[in-house]
Amino acid sequence: MRMTRFSTLLSLTALLAAALPISPAHAAPPRDVADLVGARGSSGENALQSRGYRIAKQNGLTNYWWNSAKDQCIRVVTYNGRYDAIDSASDGDCGHGGGNTAAAAVAGVAAIGLIAALASHKKSHGDSSAQHDSEYERGYHDGLYGGVYDRNDSEAYHSGFSAGNAERSNRLAANSQIVRGAPAAAQRACARRGDEFQNVPAGSSVPVSVYPQGGDRYEIIIASGHYRSRCTVTGNGNVISMDPY
């Protein structure tokens, strides 16, 4: 059972603790975002942005959001397409406190992914109505945030869900221990080249697999939505070749 209201979640805490498997405890969410627990992922993102938050870091289904006006970092855990938990996090989790620019580097990743996926879909199918785009976006966010597939779907929703699910897999793979085996400079260089190679918006491509080639050379598989590329690169980020995969 997934709760959709924070007040209901609080009142049934004891019952859920006895009936469901135990999961790590979360602190009470900050007051300005407490009402978003249980919100759909897409609705929650829009609400956070309207309240001055910008995404700072993503790690699978856990996202960190930074509010510069309040100097506040929060952690948002998504489950089954909804915001399952929101709690306070350290400034460092959002890349602040030491001049870190990580927040700016990854801001708007979800929006960029949607733009790239929708553009690719339109190019293939020629659909561009507002209703079609809205259904595609709904499906994309359900797929991206692990939501339940709506079986009363349209073709646009189905296509969006497939694209969002593929992007979710890409992000999870990008955070795996295997990918971390390649130097960060090599990963960044191949991701940038992947955007150029597949002609997608900057920030769309992510590394999903790494194969050390010996010496200081790596072969990195780059995902740009559902497209794949093979990038051969040195540890310091010198891209030797880029080929379709």
C-alpha atoms as a PDB file:
ATOM      1  CA  MET A   1       0.000   0.000   0.000  1.00  0.00           C
ATOM      2  CA  ARG A   2       1.404   3.396  -1.000  1.00  0.00           C
ATOM      3  CA  MET A   3       0.182   6.494   0.828  1.00  0.00           C
ATOM      4  CA  THR A   4      -0.653   9.641  -1.161  1.00  0.00           C
ATOM      5  CA  ARG A   5      -0.999  12.079   1.769  1.00  0.00           C
ATOM      6  CA  PHE A   6       1.611  12.882   4.358  1.00  0.00           C
ATOM      7  CA  SER A   7      -0.997  13.140   7.141  1.00  0.00           C
ATOM      8  CA  THR A   8      -2.322   9.653   6.359  1.00  0.00           C
ATOM      9  CA  LEU A   9       1.214   8.296   6.292  1.00  0.00           C
ATOM     10  CA  LEU A  10       1.877   9.685   9.772  1.00  0.00           C
ATOM     11  CA  SER A  11      -1.332   8.311  11.261  1.00  0.00           C
ATOM     12  CA  LEU A  12      -0.651   4.793   9.974  1.00  0.00           C
ATOM     13  CA  THR A  13       3.068   4.586  10.768  1.00  0.00           C
ATOM     14  CA  ALA A  14       2.665   1.971  13.480  1.00  0.00           C
ATOM     15  CA  LEU A  15       0.404  -0.204  11.346  1.00  0.00           C
ATOM     16  CA  LEU A  16       2.740  -0.092   8.362  1.00  0.00           C
ATOM     17  CA  ALA A  17       5.764  -0.887  10.500  1.00  0.00           C
ATOM     18  CA  ALA A  18       4.087  -4.099  11.641  1.00  0.00           C
ATOM     19  CA  ALA A  19       2.642  -5.092   8.274  1.00  0.00           C
ATOM     20  CA  LEU A  20       5.466  -4.263   5.860  1.00  0.00           C
ATOM     21  CA  PRO A  21       9.169  -5.179   5.664  1.00  0.00           C
ATOM     22  CA  ILE A  22      11.341  -2.809   7.658  1.00  0.00           C
ATOM     23  CA  SER A  23      13.169  -0.171   5.594  1.00  0.00           C
ATOM     24  CA  PRO A  24      15.692   2.490   6.630  1.00  0.00           C
ATOM     25  CA  ALA A  25      14.092   5.285   8.648  1.00  0.00           C
ATOM     26  CA  HIS A  26      13.860   8.790   7.235  1.00  0.00           C
ATOM     27  CA  ALA A  27      13.770  11.996   9.204  1.00  0.00           C
ATOM     28  CA  ALA A  28      10.679  14.189   9.066  1.00  0.00           C
ATOM     29  CA  PRO A  29      10.694  16.249   5.851  1.00  0.00           C
ATOM     30  CA  PRO A  30      11.278  20.014   5.997  1.00  0.00           C
ATOM     31  CA  ARG A  31       8.005  21.887   6.473  1.00  0.00           C
ATOM     32  CA  ASP A  32       8.105  23.618   3.091  1.00  0.00           C
ATOM     33  CA  VAL A  33       8.073  20.298   1.196  1.00  0.00           C
ATOM     34  CA  ALA A  34       6.280  17.969   3.634  1.00  0.00           C
ATOM     35  CA  ASP A  35       3.103  18.016   1.545  1.00  0.00           C
ATOM     36  CA  LEU A  36       4.955  16.509  -1.432  1.00  0.00           C
ATOM     37  CA  VAL A  37       5.455  13.089   0.167  1.00  0.00           C
ATOM     38  CA  GLY A  38       3.300  10.772  -1.939  1.00  0.00           C
ATOM     39  CA  ALA A  39       3.245  13.111  -4.955  1.00  0.00           C
ATOM     40  CA  ARG A  40       3.835  11.709  -8.434  1.00  0.00           C
ATOM     41  CA  GLY A  41       7.420  12.178  -9.586  1.00  0.00           C
ATOM     42  CA  SER A  42       6.547  14.603 -12.389  1.00  0.00           C
ATOM     43  CA  SER A  43       4.194  16.668 -10.201  1.00  0.00           C
ATOM     44  CA  GLY A  44       6.744  16.713  -7.389  1.00  0.00           C
ATOM     45  CA  GLU A  45       9.473  18.013  -9.690  1.00  0.00           C
ATOM     46  CA  ASN A  46       7.270  20.860 -10.890  1.00  0.00           C
ATOM     47  CA  ALA A  47       6.311  21.746  -7.306  1.00  0.00           C
ATOM     48  CA  LEU A  48       9.916  21.743  -6.078  1.00  0.00           C
ATOM     49  CA  GLN A  49      11.014  23.955  -8.952  1.00  0.00           C
ATOM     50  CA  SER A  50       8.181  26.404  -8.278  1.00  0.00           C
ATOM     51  CA  ARG A  51       9.380  26.616  -4.653  1.00  0.00           C
ATOM     52  CA  GLY A  52      12.912  27.534  -5.619  1.00  0.00           C
ATOM     53  CA  TYR A  53      14.578  24.107  -5.636  1.00  0.00           C
ATOM     54  CA  ARG A  54      16.885  22.910  -8.376  1.00  0.00           C
ATOM     55  CA  ILE A  55      18.134  19.355  -8.779  1.00  0.00           C
ATOM     56  CA  ALA A  56      21.748  19.021  -7.647  1.00  0.00           C
ATOM     57  CA  LYS A  57      22.608  15.327  -7.813  1.00  0.00           C
ATOM     58  CA  GLN A  58      21.011  12.070  -8.910  1.00  0.00           C
ATOM     59  CA  ASN A  59      21.817   8.591  -7.668  1.00  0.00           C
ATOM     60  CA  GLY A  60      19.380   6.028  -9.017  1.00  0.00           C
ATOM     61  CA  LEU A  61      15.978   6.798  -7.499  1.00  0.00           C
ATOM     62  CA  THR A  62      17.434   9.144  -4.879  1.00  0.00           C
ATOM     63  CA  ASN A  63      17.731  12.799  -5.898  1.00  0.00           C
ATOM     64  CA  TYR A  64      19.195  15.785  -4.056  1.00  0.00           C
ATOM     65  CA  TRP A  65      17.610  19.219  -4.498  1.00  0.00           C
ATOM     66  CA  TRP A  66      19.139  22.590  -3.533  1.00  0.00           C
ATOM     67  CA  ASN A  67      17.309  25.789  -2.620  1.00  0.00           C
ATOM     68  CA  SER A  68      19.792  28.670  -2.923  1.00  0.00           C
ATOM     69  CA  ALA A  69      17.442  31.206  -1.280  1.00  0.00           C
ATOM     70  CA  LYS A  70      17.232  29.056   1.850  1.00  0.00           C
ATOM     71  CA  ASP A  71      20.687  27.425   1.608  1.00  0.00           C
ATOM     72  CA  GLN A  72      18.849  24.142   2.039  1.00  0.00           C
ATOM     73  CA  CYS A  73      19.545  20.697   0.609  1.00  0.00           C
ATOM     74  CA  ILE A  74      16.913  17.948   0.645  1.00  0.00           C
ATOM     75  CA  ARG A  75      16.972  14.287  -0.331  1.00  0.00           C
ATOM     76  CA  VAL A  76      14.024  12.852  -2.256  1.00  0.00           C
ATOM     77  CA  VAL A  77      13.534   9.083  -2.580  1.00  0.00           C
ATOM     78  CA  THR A  78      11.169   7.928  -5.332  1.00  0.00           C
ATOM     79  CA  TYR A  79       9.343   4.596  -5.249  1.00  0.00           C
ATOM     80  CA  ASN A  80       6.763   3.282  -7.686  1.00  0.00           C
ATOM     81  CA  GLY A  81       6.599   6.634  -9.445  1.00  0.00           C
ATOM     82  CA  ARG A  82       5.898   8.701  -6.309  1.00  0.00           C
ATOM     83  CA  TYR A  83       7.903  10.647  -3.743  1.00  0.00           C
ATOM     84  CA  ASP A  84       8.271   8.040  -1.004  1.00  0.00           C
ATOM     85  CA  ALA A  85      10.404  10.081   1.415  1.00  0.00           C
ATOM     86  CA  ILE A  86      11.829  13.598   1.686  1.00  0.00           C
ATOM     87  CA  ASP A  87      14.330  14.613   4.336  1.00  0.00           C
ATOM     88  CA  SER A  88      17.053  17.162   4.988  1.00  0.00           C
ATOM     89  CA  ALA A  89      20.562  16.545   3.648  1.00  0.00           C
ATOM     90  CA  SER A  90      23.906  18.235   4.118  1.00  0.00           C
ATOM     91  CA  ASP A  91      25.034  21.120   1.916  1.00  0.00           C
ATOM     92  CA  GLY A  92      27.816  18.850   0.668  1.00  0.00           C
ATOM     93  CA  ASP A  93      25.265  16.355  -0.676  1.00  0.00           C
ATOM     94  CA  CYS A  94      24.092  19.117  -2.997  1.00  0.00           C
ATOM     95  CA  GLY A  95      27.640  20.136  -3.951  1.00  0.00           C
ATOM     96  CA  HIS A  96      27.702  23.281  -1.824  1.00  0.00           C
ATOM     97  CA  GLY A  97      29.889  24.458   1.014  1.00  0.00           C
ATOM     98  CA  GLY A  98      33.219  24.141  -0.765  1.00  0.00           C
ATOM     99  CA  GLY A  99      32.747  25.911  -4.069  1.00  0.00           C
ATOM    100  CA  ASN A 100      31.640  22.689  -5.776  1.00  0.00           C
ATOM    101  CA  THR A 101      29.811  23.304  -9.059  1.00  0.00           C
ATOM    102  CA  ALA A 102      28.252  19.854  -9.303  1.00  0.00           C
ATOM    103  CA  ALA A 103      24.739  21.267  -8.912  1.00  0.00           C
ATOM    104  CA  ALA A 104      25.050  23.442 -12.003  1.00  0.00           C
ATOM    105  CA  ALA A 105      26.565  20.600 -14.007  1.00  0.00           C
ATOM    106  CA  VAL A 106      23.616  18.251 -13.541  1.00  0.00           C
ATOM    107  CA  ALA A 107      20.692  20.689 -13.218  1.00  0.00           C
ATOM    108  CA  GLY A 108      17.757  19.780 -15.405  1.00  0.00           C
ATOM    109  CA  VAL A 109      18.943  16.278 -16.332  1.00  0.00           C
ATOM    110  CA  ALA A 110      15.416  14.867 -16.254  1.00  0.00           C
ATOM    111  CA  ALA A 111      14.078  17.677 -18.450  1.00  0.00           C
ATOM    112  CA  ILE A 112      16.943  17.261 -20.926  1.00  0.00           C
ATOM    113  CA  GLY A 113      16.283  13.539 -21.167  1.00  0.00           C
ATOM    114  CA  LEU A 114      12.597  14.138 -21.868  1.00  0.00           C
ATOM    115  CA  ILE A 115      13.349  16.763 -24.534  1.00  0.00           C
ATOM    116  CA  ALA A 116      15.770  14.425 -26.307  1.00  0.00           C
ATOM    117  CA  ALA A 117      13.419  11.437 -26.127  1.00  0.00           C
ATOM    118  CA  LEU A 118      10.392  13.409 -27.344  1.00  0.00           C
ATOM    119  CA  ALA A 119      12.362  14.967 -30.192  1.00  0.00           C
ATOM    120  CA  SER A 120      13.540  11.528 -31.306  1.00  0.00           C
ATOM    121  CA  HIS A 121       9.999  10.165 -31.100  1.00  0.00           C
ATOM    122  CA  LYS A 122       8.561  13.042 -33.142  1.00  0.00           C
ATOM    123  CA  LYS A 123      11.241  12.566 -35.778  1.00  0.00           C
ATOM    124  CA  SER A 124      10.313   8.889 -36.113  1.00  0.00           C
ATOM    125  CA  HIS A 125       6.515   9.203 -35.927  1.00  0.00           C
ATOM    126  CA  GLY A 126       5.724  12.774 -36.953  1.00  0.00           C
ATOM    127  CA  ASP A 127       3.405  13.383 -33.990  1.00  0.00           C
ATOM    128  CA  SER A 128       3.380  16.873 -32.472  1.00  0.00           C
ATOM    129  CA  SER A 129      -0.052  17.649 -30.981  1.00  0.00           C
ATOM    130  CA  ALA A 130      -0.212  19.067 -27.447  1.00  0.00           C
ATOM    131  CA  GLN A 131      -2.266  16.088 -26.238  1.00  0.00           C
ATOM    132  CA  HIS A 132       0.197  13.646 -27.752  1.00  0.00           C
ATOM    133  CA  ASP A 133       3.139  15.411 -26.103  1.00  0.00           C
ATOM    134  CA  SER A 134       1.352  15.485 -22.742  1.00  0.00           C
ATOM    135  CA  GLU A 135       0.645  11.739 -22.878  1.00  0.00           C
ATOM    136  CA  TYR A 136       4.230  11.044 -23.922  1.00  0.00           C
ATOM    137  CA  GLU A 137       5.542  13.105 -21.005  1.00  0.00           C
ATOM    138  CA  ARG A 138       3.238  11.319 -18.554  1.00  0.00           C
ATOM    139  CA  GLY A 139       4.486   7.940 -19.777  1.00  0.00           C
ATOM    140  CA  TYR A 140       8.106   9.098 -19.718  1.00  0.00           C
ATOM    141  CA  HIS A 141       7.930  10.160 -16.060  1.00  0.00           C
ATOM    142  CA  ASP A 142       6.158   6.941 -15.042  1.00  0.00           C
ATOM    143  CA  GLY A 143       8.900   4.928 -16.702  1.00  0.00           C
ATOM    144  CA  LEU A 144      11.711   7.104 -15.357  1.00  0.00           C
ATOM    145  CA  TYR A 145      10.523   6.972 -11.749  1.00  0.00           C
ATOM    146  CA  GLY A 146       9.505   3.308 -11.647  1.00  0.00           C
ATOM    147  CA  GLY A 147       5.779   4.001 -11.834  1.00  0.00           C
ATOM    148  CA  VAL A 148       3.095   1.405 -12.526  1.00  0.00           C
ATOM    149  CA  TYR A 149       2.359   1.117 -16.236  1.00  0.00           C
ATOM    150  CA  ASP A 150      -1.053   2.546 -17.108  1.00  0.00           C
ATOM    151  CA  ARG A 151      -2.701  -0.235 -19.132  1.00  0.00           C
ATOM    152  CA  ASN A 152      -5.363   2.176 -20.358  1.00  0.00           C
ATOM    153  CA  ASP A 153      -2.611   3.816 -22.309  1.00  0.00           C
ATOM    154  CA  SER A 154      -2.307   5.586 -25.614  1.00  0.00           C
ATOM    155  CA  GLU A 155       0.427   4.990 -28.167  1.00  0.00           C
ATOM    156  CA  ALA A 156       2.113   8.187 -27.016  1.00  0.00           C
ATOM    157  CA  TYR A 157       2.045   7.073 -23.367  1.00  0.00           C
ATOM    158  CA  HIS A 158       3.479   3.675 -24.295  1.00  0.00           C
ATOM    159  CA  SER A 159       6.327   5.255 -26.254  1.00  0.00           C
ATOM    160  CA  GLY A 160       7.060   7.705 -23.438  1.00  0.00           C
ATOM    161  CA  PHE A 161       7.046   4.955 -20.813  1.00  0.00           C
ATOM    162  CA  SER A 162       9.509   2.886 -22.845  1.00  0.00           C
ATOM    163  CA  ALA A 163      11.823   5.891 -23.261  1.00  0.00           C
ATOM    164  CA  GLY A 164      11.620   6.801 -19.569  1.00  0.00           C
ATOM    165  CA  ASN A 165      12.287   3.221 -18.504  1.00  0.00           C
ATOM    166  CA  ALA A 166      15.337   3.097 -20.773  1.00  0.00           C
ATOM    167  CA  GLU A 167      16.623   6.366 -19.266  1.00  0.00           C
ATOM    168  CA  ARG A 168      16.102   4.959 -15.757  1.00  0.00           C
ATOM    169  CA  SER A 169      18.194   1.918 -16.665  1.00  0.00           C
ATOM    170  CA  ASN A 170      20.871   4.201 -18.087  1.00  0.00           C
ATOM    171  CA  ARG A 171      21.071   6.234 -14.854  1.00  0.00           C
ATOM    172  CA  LEU A 172      21.227   3.156 -12.642  1.00  0.00           C
ATOM    173  CA  ALA A 173      23.986   1.700 -14.815  1.00  0.00           C
ATOM    174  CA  ALA A 174      25.863   5.004 -14.747  1.00  0.00           C
ATOM    175  CA  ASN A 175      26.070   4.728 -10.939  1.00  0.00           C
ATOM    176  CA  SER A 176      27.349   1.137 -10.912  1.00  0.00           C
ATOM    177  CA  GLN A 177      30.742   0.066  -9.602  1.00  0.00           C
ATOM    178  CA  ILE A 178      31.641  -1.126 -13.121  1.00  0.00           C
ATOM    179  CA  VAL A 179      31.333   2.339 -14.636  1.00  0.00           C
ATOM    180  CA  ARG A 180      33.262   3.879 -11.754  1.00  0.00           C
ATOM    181  CA  GLY A 181      36.226   1.773 -12.896  1.00  0.00           C
ATOM    182  CA  ALA A 182      36.970   4.382 -15.566  1.00  0.00           C
ATOM    183  CA  PRO A 183      38.485   7.792 -14.697  1.00  0.00           C
ATOM    184  CA  ALA A 184      35.981  10.620 -14.409  1.00  0.00           C
ATOM    185  CA  ALA A 185      37.747  12.602 -17.160  1.00  0.00           C
ATOM    186  CA  ALA A 186      37.331   9.686 -19.577  1.00  0.00           C
ATOM    187  CA  GLN A 187      33.637   9.310 -18.711  1.00  0.00           C
ATOM    188  CA  ARG A 188      32.929  13.028 -19.141  1.00  0.00           C
ATOM    189  CA  ALA A 189      34.745  13.177 -22.474  1.00  0.00           C
ATOM    190  CA  CYS A 190      32.860  10.185 -23.880  1.00  0.00           C
ATOM    191  CA  ALA A 191      29.515  11.498 -22.609  1.00  0.00           C
ATOM    192  CA  ARG A 192      30.115  14.832 -24.363  1.00  0.00           C
ATOM    193  CA  ARG A 193      31.171  13.064 -27.555  1.00  0.00           C
ATOM    194  CA  GLY A 194      28.092  10.853 -27.272  1.00  0.00           C
ATOM    195  CA  ASP A 195      25.845  13.930 -27.327  1.00  0.00           C
ATOM    196  CA  GLU A 196      27.576  15.155 -30.477  1.00  0.00           C
ATOM    197  CA  PHE A 197      27.696  11.738 -32.134  1.00  0.00           C
ATOM    198  CA  GLN A 198      23.983  11.027 -31.618  1.00  0.00           C
ATOM    199  CA  ASN A 199      22.969  14.684 -32.121  1.00  0.00           C
ATOM    200  CA  VAL A 200      21.099  14.938 -28.810  1.00  0.00           C
ATOM    201  CA  PRO A 201      20.905  17.837 -26.307  1.00  0.00           C
ATOM    202  CA  ALA A 202      23.976  18.341 -24.127  1.00  0.00           C
ATOM    203  CA  GLY A 203      23.815  16.225 -20.976  1.00  0.00           C
ATOM    204  CA  SER A 204      21.680  13.464 -22.516  1.00  0.00           C
ATOM    205  CA  SER A 205      24.402  10.798 -22.773  1.00  0.00           C
ATOM    206  CA  VAL A 206      25.719   8.686 -19.902  1.00  0.00           C
ATOM    207  CA  PRO A 207      28.330   5.893 -19.625  1.00  0.00           C
ATOM    208  CA  VAL A 208      26.786   2.489 -18.876  1.00  0.00           C
ATOM    209  CA  SER A 209      29.641  -0.008 -19.313  1.00  0.00           C
ATOM    210  CA  VAL A 210      33.435   0.105 -19.144  1.00  0.00           C
ATOM    211  CA  TYR A 211      35.991  -2.296 -20.648  1.00  0.00           C
ATOM    212  CA  PRO A 212      39.650  -1.561 -19.752  1.00  0.00           C
ATOM    213  CA  GLN A 213      41.830  -2.012 -22.814  1.00  0.00           C
ATOM    214  CA  GLY A 214      45.176  -2.101 -21.046  1.00  0.00           C
ATOM    215  CA  GLY A 215      47.578   0.688 -20.309  1.00  0.00           C
ATOM    216  CA  ASP A 216      45.713   3.954 -20.031  1.00  0.00           C
ATOM    217  CA  ARG A 217      42.990   3.139 -22.550  1.00  0.00           C
ATOM    218  CA  TYR A 218      39.308   2.342 -21.980  1.00  0.00           C
ATOM    219  CA  GLU A 219      36.318   1.354 -24.065  1.00  0.00           C
ATOM    220  CA  ILE A 220      33.183   2.976 -22.658  1.00  0.00           C
ATOM    221  CA  ILE A 221      29.667   2.182 -23.851  1.00  0.00           C
ATOM    222  CA  ILE A 222      27.639   5.386 -23.939  1.00  0.00           C
ATOM    223  CA  ALA A 223      23.833   5.477 -23.796  1.00  0.00           C
ATOM    224  CA  SER A 224      21.997   8.388 -25.411  1.00  0.00           C
ATOM    225  CA  GLY A 225      18.407   7.414 -24.690  1.00  0.00           C
ATOM    226  CA  HIS A 226      17.972   4.103 -26.498  1.00  0.00           C
ATOM    227  CA  TYR A 227      20.966   4.721 -28.775  1.00  0.00           C
ATOM    228  CA  ARG A 228      24.361   3.190 -27.904  1.00  0.00           C
ATOM    229  CA  SER A 229      27.882   4.202 -28.914  1.00  0.00           C
ATOM    230  CA  ARG A 230      31.313   2.683 -28.313  1.00  0.00           C
ATOM    231  CA  CYS A 231      33.870   5.270 -27.141  1.00  0.00           C
ATOM    232  CA  THR A 232      37.589   4.493 -26.987  1.00  0.00           C
ATOM    233  CA  VAL A 233      39.324   6.982 -24.720  1.00  0.00           C
ATOM    234  CA  THR A 234      42.434   7.561 -22.613  1.00  0.00           C
ATOM    235  CA  GLY A 235      42.293   8.101 -18.885  1.00  0.00           C
ATOM    236  CA  ASN A 236      42.795  11.849 -19.232  1.00  0.00           C
ATOM    237  CA  GLY A 237      39.823  12.238 -21.598  1.00  0.00           C
ATOM    238  CA  ASN A 238      41.391  12.051 -25.065  1.00  0.00           C
ATOM    239  CA  VAL A 239      38.724  10.396 -27.241  1.00  0.00           C
ATOM    240  CA  ILE A 240      40.383   8.125 -29.809  1.00  0.00           C
ATOM    241  CA  SER A 241      37.290   6.863 -31.603  1.00  0.00           C
ATOM    242  CA  MET A 242      33.489   6.870 -31.431  1.00  0.00           C
ATOM    243  CA  ASP A 243      31.431   4.218 -33.188  1.00  0.00           C
ATOM    244  CA  PRO A 244      27.812   2.988 -33.190  1.00  0.00           C
ATOM    245  CA  TYR A 245      27.239   0.034 -30.888  1.00  0.00           C
END
